[in-house]
C-alpha atoms as a PDB file:
ATOM      1  CA  UNK A   1      13.391 -27.443  35.463  1.00  0.00           C
ATOM      2  CA  UNK A   2      13.647 -31.197  35.079  1.00  0.00           C
ATOM      3  CA  UNK A   3      16.834 -32.975  34.064  1.00  0.00           C
ATOM      4  CA  UNK A   4      15.289 -33.821  30.653  1.00  0.00           C
ATOM      5  CA  UNK A   5      14.444 -30.142  30.028  1.00  0.00           C
ATOM      6  CA  UNK A   6      17.942 -29.077  31.030  1.00  0.00           C
ATOM      7  CA  UNK A   7      19.464 -31.643  28.677  1.00  0.00           C
ATOM      8  CA  UNK A   8      17.463 -30.402  25.651  1.00  0.00           C
ATOM      9  CA  UNK A   9      17.903 -26.690  26.378  1.00  0.00           C
ATOM     10  CA  UNK A  10      20.838 -25.155  24.469  1.00  0.00           C
ATOM     11  CA  UNK A  11      23.717 -24.029  26.605  1.00  0.00           C
ATOM     12  CA  UNK A  12      23.930 -20.311  27.228  1.00  0.00           C
ATOM     13  CA  UNK A  13      25.319 -18.599  24.143  1.00  0.00           C
ATOM     14  CA  UNK A  14      25.344 -21.802  22.064  1.00  0.00           C
ATOM     15  CA  UNK A  15      22.654 -22.656  19.519  1.00  0.00           C
ATOM     16  CA  UNK A  16      20.440 -19.737  20.438  1.00  0.00           C
ATOM     17  CA  UNK A  17      19.461 -17.194  17.877  1.00  0.00           C
ATOM     18  CA  UNK A  18      19.643 -13.723  19.296  1.00  0.00           C
ATOM     19  CA  UNK A  19      18.174 -10.498  17.960  1.00  0.00           C
ATOM     20  CA  UNK A  20      16.070  -9.812  14.935  1.00  0.00           C
ATOM     21  CA  UNK A  21      16.242 -11.739  11.678  1.00  0.00           C
ATOM     22  CA  UNK A  22      18.493 -10.010   9.150  1.00  0.00           C
ATOM     23  CA  UNK A  23      18.896 -12.680   6.493  1.00  0.00           C
ATOM     24  CA  UNK A  24      15.816 -13.217   4.351  1.00  0.00           C
ATOM     25  CA  UNK A  25      14.016 -16.508   4.828  1.00  0.00           C
ATOM     26  CA  UNK A  26      10.863 -17.484   2.991  1.00  0.00           C
ATOM     27  CA  UNK A  27       9.233 -18.455   6.308  1.00  0.00           C
ATOM     28  CA  UNK A  28       9.711 -15.025   7.918  1.00  0.00           C
ATOM     29  CA  UNK A  29       8.869 -13.202   4.679  1.00  0.00           C
ATOM     30  CA  UNK A  30       5.633 -15.173   4.308  1.00  0.00           C
ATOM     31  CA  UNK A  31       4.690 -14.589   7.944  1.00  0.00           C
ATOM     32  CA  UNK A  32       5.234 -10.847   7.493  1.00  0.00           C
ATOM     33  CA  UNK A  33       3.071 -10.790   4.336  1.00  0.00           C
ATOM     34  CA  UNK A  34       0.273 -12.794   5.963  1.00  0.00           C
ATOM     35  CA  UNK A  35       0.147 -10.297   8.821  1.00  0.00           C
ATOM     36  CA  UNK A  36      -0.016  -7.406   6.346  1.00  0.00           C
ATOM     37  CA  UNK A  37      -2.903  -9.128   4.566  1.00  0.00           C
ATOM     38  CA  UNK A  38      -4.686  -9.458   7.906  1.00  0.00           C
ATOM     39  CA  UNK A  39      -4.499  -5.685   8.376  1.00  0.00           C
ATOM     40  CA  UNK A  40      -1.414  -5.121  10.517  1.00  0.00           C
ATOM     41  CA  UNK A  41       0.779  -2.175   9.600  1.00  0.00           C
ATOM     42  CA  UNK A  42       4.353  -2.656   8.486  1.00  0.00           C
ATOM     43  CA  UNK A  43       5.469  -0.475  11.388  1.00  0.00           C
ATOM     44  CA  UNK A  44       3.641  -2.718  13.902  1.00  0.00           C
ATOM     45  CA  UNK A  45       5.084  -5.874  12.378  1.00  0.00           C
ATOM     46  CA  UNK A  46       8.669  -4.590  12.175  1.00  0.00           C
ATOM     47  CA  UNK A  47       8.536  -3.361  15.783  1.00  0.00           C
ATOM     48  CA  UNK A  48       8.359  -6.962  17.005  1.00  0.00           C
ATOM     49  CA  UNK A  49      11.548  -8.810  17.994  1.00  0.00           C
ATOM     50  CA  UNK A  50      10.741 -11.859  15.822  1.00  0.00           C
ATOM     51  CA  UNK A  51      10.476  -9.729  12.672  1.00  0.00           C
ATOM     52  CA  UNK A  52      13.065  -7.769  10.700  1.00  0.00           C
ATOM     53  CA  UNK A  53      13.580  -4.098  11.388  1.00  0.00           C
ATOM     54  CA  UNK A  54      12.156  -1.721   8.799  1.00  0.00           C
ATOM     55  CA  UNK A  55      15.617  -1.074   7.360  1.00  0.00           C
ATOM     56  CA  UNK A  56      16.198  -4.828   6.992  1.00  0.00           C
ATOM     57  CA  UNK A  57      12.748  -5.198   5.425  1.00  0.00           C
ATOM     58  CA  UNK A  58      13.608  -2.536   2.815  1.00  0.00           C
ATOM     59  CA  UNK A  59      16.829  -4.384   1.992  1.00  0.00           C
ATOM     60  CA  UNK A  60      14.835  -7.591   1.492  1.00  0.00           C
ATOM     61  CA  UNK A  61      12.504  -5.782  -0.918  1.00  0.00           C
ATOM     62  CA  UNK A  62      15.427  -4.230  -2.764  1.00  0.00           C
ATOM     63  CA  UNK A  63      17.432  -7.443  -3.196  1.00  0.00           C
ATOM     64  CA  UNK A  64      14.794 -10.184  -3.442  1.00  0.00           C
ATOM     65  CA  UNK A  65      12.454  -9.913  -6.429  1.00  0.00           C
ATOM     66  CA  UNK A  66      10.296 -12.867  -5.335  1.00  0.00           C
ATOM     67  CA  UNK A  67       9.715 -11.306  -1.911  1.00  0.00           C
ATOM     68  CA  UNK A  68       9.047  -7.881  -3.475  1.00  0.00           C
ATOM     69  CA  UNK A  69       6.317  -9.450  -5.638  1.00  0.00           C
ATOM     70  CA  UNK A  70       4.844 -11.302  -2.654  1.00  0.00           C
ATOM     71  CA  UNK A  71       4.837  -8.050  -0.663  1.00  0.00           C
ATOM     72  CA  UNK A  72       3.037  -6.219  -3.506  1.00  0.00           C
ATOM     73  CA  UNK A  73       0.400  -8.983  -3.560  1.00  0.00           C
ATOM     74  CA  UNK A  74      -0.008  -8.721   0.220  1.00  0.00           C
ATOM     75  CA  UNK A  75      -0.559  -4.967  -0.041  1.00  0.00           C
ATOM     76  CA  UNK A  76      -3.184  -5.474  -2.770  1.00  0.00           C
ATOM     77  CA  UNK A  77      -5.007  -7.972  -0.553  1.00  0.00           C
ATOM     78  CA  UNK A  78      -4.721  -5.570   2.377  1.00  0.00           C
ATOM     79  CA  UNK A  79      -6.461  -2.947   0.224  1.00  0.00           C
ATOM     80  CA  UNK A  80      -9.459  -5.263  -0.140  1.00  0.00           C
ATOM     81  CA  UNK A  81      -9.618  -5.558   3.651  1.00  0.00           C
ATOM     82  CA  UNK A  82      -9.425  -1.757   3.925  1.00  0.00           C
ATOM     83  CA  UNK A  83     -12.353  -1.557   1.517  1.00  0.00           C
ATOM     84  CA  UNK A  84     -14.460  -3.520   4.018  1.00  0.00           C
ATOM     85  CA  UNK A  85     -13.285  -1.276   6.864  1.00  0.00           C
ATOM     86  CA  UNK A  86     -14.049   1.809   4.818  1.00  0.00           C
ATOM     87  CA  UNK A  87     -17.617   0.653   4.204  1.00  0.00           C
ATOM     88  CA  UNK A  88     -18.101  -0.053   7.919  1.00  0.00           C
ATOM     89  CA  UNK A  89     -16.947   3.469   8.836  1.00  0.00           C
ATOM     90  CA  UNK A  90     -19.180   5.046   6.203  1.00  0.00           C
ATOM     91  CA  UNK A  91     -22.205   3.033   7.373  1.00  0.00           C
ATOM     92  CA  UNK A  92     -21.694   3.666  11.104  1.00  0.00           C
ATOM     93  CA  UNK A  93     -23.702   6.680  12.240  1.00  0.00           C
ATOM     94  CA  UNK A  94     -23.979   5.746  15.923  1.00  0.00           C
ATOM     95  CA  UNK A  95     -21.771   8.590  17.153  1.00  0.00           C
ATOM     96  CA  UNK A  96     -22.860  11.247  14.652  1.00  0.00           C
ATOM     97  CA  UNK A  97     -25.129  12.724  17.319  1.00  0.00           C
ATOM     98  CA  UNK A  98     -24.552  13.337  20.984  1.00  0.00           C
ATOM     99  CA  UNK A  99     -26.809  14.340  23.798  1.00  0.00           C
ATOM    100  CA  UNK A 100     -26.187  17.638  25.563  1.00  0.00           C
ATOM    101  CA  UNK A 101     -28.129  19.413  28.236  1.00  0.00           C
ATOM    102  CA  UNK A 102     -29.691  22.757  27.367  1.00  0.00           C
ATOM    103  CA  UNK A 103     -31.997  24.653  29.691  1.00  0.00           C
ATOM    104  CA  UNK A 104     -32.435  21.537  31.798  1.00  0.00           C
ATOM    105  CA  UNK A 105     -33.429  19.382  28.817  1.00  0.00           C
ATOM    106  CA  UNK A 106     -31.487  16.671  27.013  1.00  0.00           C
ATOM    107  CA  UNK A 107     -31.044  17.635  23.373  1.00  0.00           C
ATOM    108  CA  UNK A 108     -29.449  15.673  20.533  1.00  0.00           C
ATOM    109  CA  UNK A 109     -26.967  17.684  18.480  1.00  0.00           C
ATOM    110  CA  UNK A 110     -24.811  16.802  15.498  1.00  0.00           C
ATOM    111  CA  UNK A 111     -21.264  15.868  16.513  1.00  0.00           C
ATOM    112  CA  UNK A 112     -19.385  17.565  13.682  1.00  0.00           C
ATOM    113  CA  UNK A 113     -16.016  16.566  15.110  1.00  0.00           C
ATOM    114  CA  UNK A 114     -16.894  12.866  14.920  1.00  0.00           C
ATOM    115  CA  UNK A 115     -18.241  13.224  11.391  1.00  0.00           C
ATOM    116  CA  UNK A 116     -15.098  15.042  10.246  1.00  0.00           C
ATOM    117  CA  UNK A 117     -12.886  12.404  11.884  1.00  0.00           C
ATOM    118  CA  UNK A 118     -14.840   9.666  10.071  1.00  0.00           C
ATOM    119  CA  UNK A 119     -14.467  11.557   6.788  1.00  0.00           C
ATOM    120  CA  UNK A 120     -10.719  11.879   7.361  1.00  0.00           C
ATOM    121  CA  UNK A 121     -10.453   8.148   8.080  1.00  0.00           C
ATOM    122  CA  UNK A 122     -12.386   7.283   4.918  1.00  0.00           C
ATOM    123  CA  UNK A 123     -10.331   9.666   2.759  1.00  0.00           C
ATOM    124  CA  UNK A 124      -7.062   8.315   4.187  1.00  0.00           C
ATOM    125  CA  UNK A 125      -8.152   4.732   3.557  1.00  0.00           C
ATOM    126  CA  UNK A 126      -9.197   5.560  -0.008  1.00  0.00           C
ATOM    127  CA  UNK A 127      -5.803   7.150  -0.676  1.00  0.00           C
ATOM    128  CA  UNK A 128      -3.970   4.136   0.743  1.00  0.00           C
ATOM    129  CA  UNK A 129      -6.140   1.743  -1.264  1.00  0.00           C
ATOM    130  CA  UNK A 130      -5.364   3.648  -4.464  1.00  0.00           C
ATOM    131  CA  UNK A 131      -1.639   3.302  -3.756  1.00  0.00           C
ATOM    132  CA  UNK A 132      -1.782  -0.349  -2.650  1.00  0.00           C
ATOM    133  CA  UNK A 133      -3.972  -1.610  -5.485  1.00  0.00           C
ATOM    134  CA  UNK A 134      -4.067   0.992  -8.264  1.00  0.00           C
ATOM    135  CA  UNK A 135      -5.647  -1.400 -10.762  1.00  0.00           C
ATOM    136  CA  UNK A 136      -8.578  -1.997  -8.428  1.00  0.00           C
ATOM    137  CA  UNK A 137      -8.946   1.362  -6.688  1.00  0.00           C
ATOM    138  CA  UNK A 138      -6.907   3.885  -8.688  1.00  0.00           C
ATOM    139  CA  UNK A 139      -8.326   6.592 -10.887  1.00  0.00           C
ATOM    140  CA  UNK A 140      -8.747   5.551 -14.488  1.00  0.00           C
ATOM    141  CA  UNK A 141      -6.536   7.633 -16.731  1.00  0.00           C
ATOM    142  CA  UNK A 142      -7.288   8.080 -20.425  1.00  0.00           C
ATOM    143  CA  UNK A 143      -4.705   9.542 -22.762  1.00  0.00           C
ATOM    144  CA  UNK A 144      -5.928  11.134 -25.952  1.00  0.00           C
ATOM    145  CA  UNK A 145      -3.796  12.360 -28.779  1.00  0.00           C
ATOM    146  CA  UNK A 146      -5.325  15.098 -30.864  1.00  0.00           C
ATOM    147  CA  UNK A 147      -4.268  17.044 -33.884  1.00  0.00           C
ATOM    148  CA  UNK A 148      -3.953  20.753 -34.417  1.00  0.00           C
ATOM    149  CA  UNK A 149      -6.359  22.870 -32.305  1.00  0.00           C
ATOM    150  CA  UNK A 150      -7.834  19.739 -30.693  1.00  0.00           C
ATOM    151  CA  UNK A 151      -9.020  18.328 -34.006  1.00  0.00           C
ATOM    152  CA  UNK A 152      -8.475  14.892 -35.469  1.00  0.00           C
ATOM    153  CA  UNK A 153      -4.941  13.638 -35.691  1.00  0.00           C
ATOM    154  CA  UNK A 154      -3.706  13.712 -39.272  1.00  0.00           C
ATOM    155  CA  UNK A 155      -1.394  10.906 -40.299  1.00  0.00           C
ATOM    156  CA  UNK A 156       0.215  10.983 -43.706  1.00  0.00           C
ATOM    157  CA  UNK A 157       3.030   9.100 -45.314  1.00  0.00           C
ATOM    158  CA  UNK A 158       5.882  11.039 -46.798  1.00  0.00           C
ATOM    159  CA  UNK A 159       8.808  10.006 -48.895  1.00  0.00           C
ATOM    160  CA  UNK A 160      12.174  10.858 -47.273  1.00  0.00           C
ATOM    161  CA  UNK A 161      12.959  13.465 -49.924  1.00  0.00           C
ATOM    162  CA  UNK A 162       9.728  15.307 -48.996  1.00  0.00           C
ATOM    163  CA  UNK A 163      10.945  15.815 -45.413  1.00  0.00           C
ATOM    164  CA  UNK A 164      13.001  18.697 -44.090  1.00  0.00           C
ATOM    165  CA  UNK A 165      16.631  17.639 -43.372  1.00  0.00           C
ATOM    166  CA  UNK A 166      16.138  17.652 -39.565  1.00  0.00           C
ATOM    167  CA  UNK A 167      12.974  15.511 -39.908  1.00  0.00           C
ATOM    168  CA  UNK A 168      14.811  13.043 -42.171  1.00  0.00           C
ATOM    169  CA  UNK A 169      17.530  12.705 -39.529  1.00  0.00           C
ATOM    170  CA  UNK A 170      14.962  12.241 -36.725  1.00  0.00           C
ATOM    171  CA  UNK A 171      13.210   9.569 -38.802  1.00  0.00           C
ATOM    172  CA  UNK A 172      16.502   7.762 -39.362  1.00  0.00           C
ATOM    173  CA  UNK A 173      16.526   8.434 -43.118  1.00  0.00           C
ATOM    174  CA  UNK A 174      19.862  10.189 -43.121  1.00  0.00           C
ATOM    175  CA  UNK A 175      20.646  13.893 -43.467  1.00  0.00           C
END
C-alpha cells in the first residue's frame, strides 16, 4: 500500500461502516427494489452483507409507506418478468423426450418427470404473478346481488311508520 492510500484509508474502527444496513435509506431501498425487478428473490437479496436482513426489510415496509409503495411496484414489475419466463418454459419442449436403449435400439420416450416439473414451475409462477400483480394477473371476481330465489332484486321505498320497530332502528329512524 502506498503512503497516499494509507493516508486516505480510515483508521481501524474509525469511519468504517460495519455490518448490514439497519436504518432505511432511499439508496439502499431503491437498489433492493431494482434487484427485485430484475428477477432476484428477496431471500437472495437479503442474504447479502450490503443489504438489510429480512427482519430489517420487514420493519422498513412496516414503518415507511413510501418504501412499501415502491416495493409493491417492484413486485408488480417482477410479475411482468415472470410472465416472460413462464412463456419460455411453456414453449420449451427440448427435454420433453429422452432417448433410451431398448433391445439394442435407441428409442425416444416421453419424459413425464420433466413435463410435470415444467408444469409445476408454470403453476407456481402463475400463482406468484397473481399475488404480485392481482390487477394484471389475478382472477376477475364479479359480485352479483340477487333477490329472493335468485330473482331480480326488489327495491322499494317505505315510510318509517311502515317499517317494523327493529327495521326503523336499523335504518336510523328511531324506535
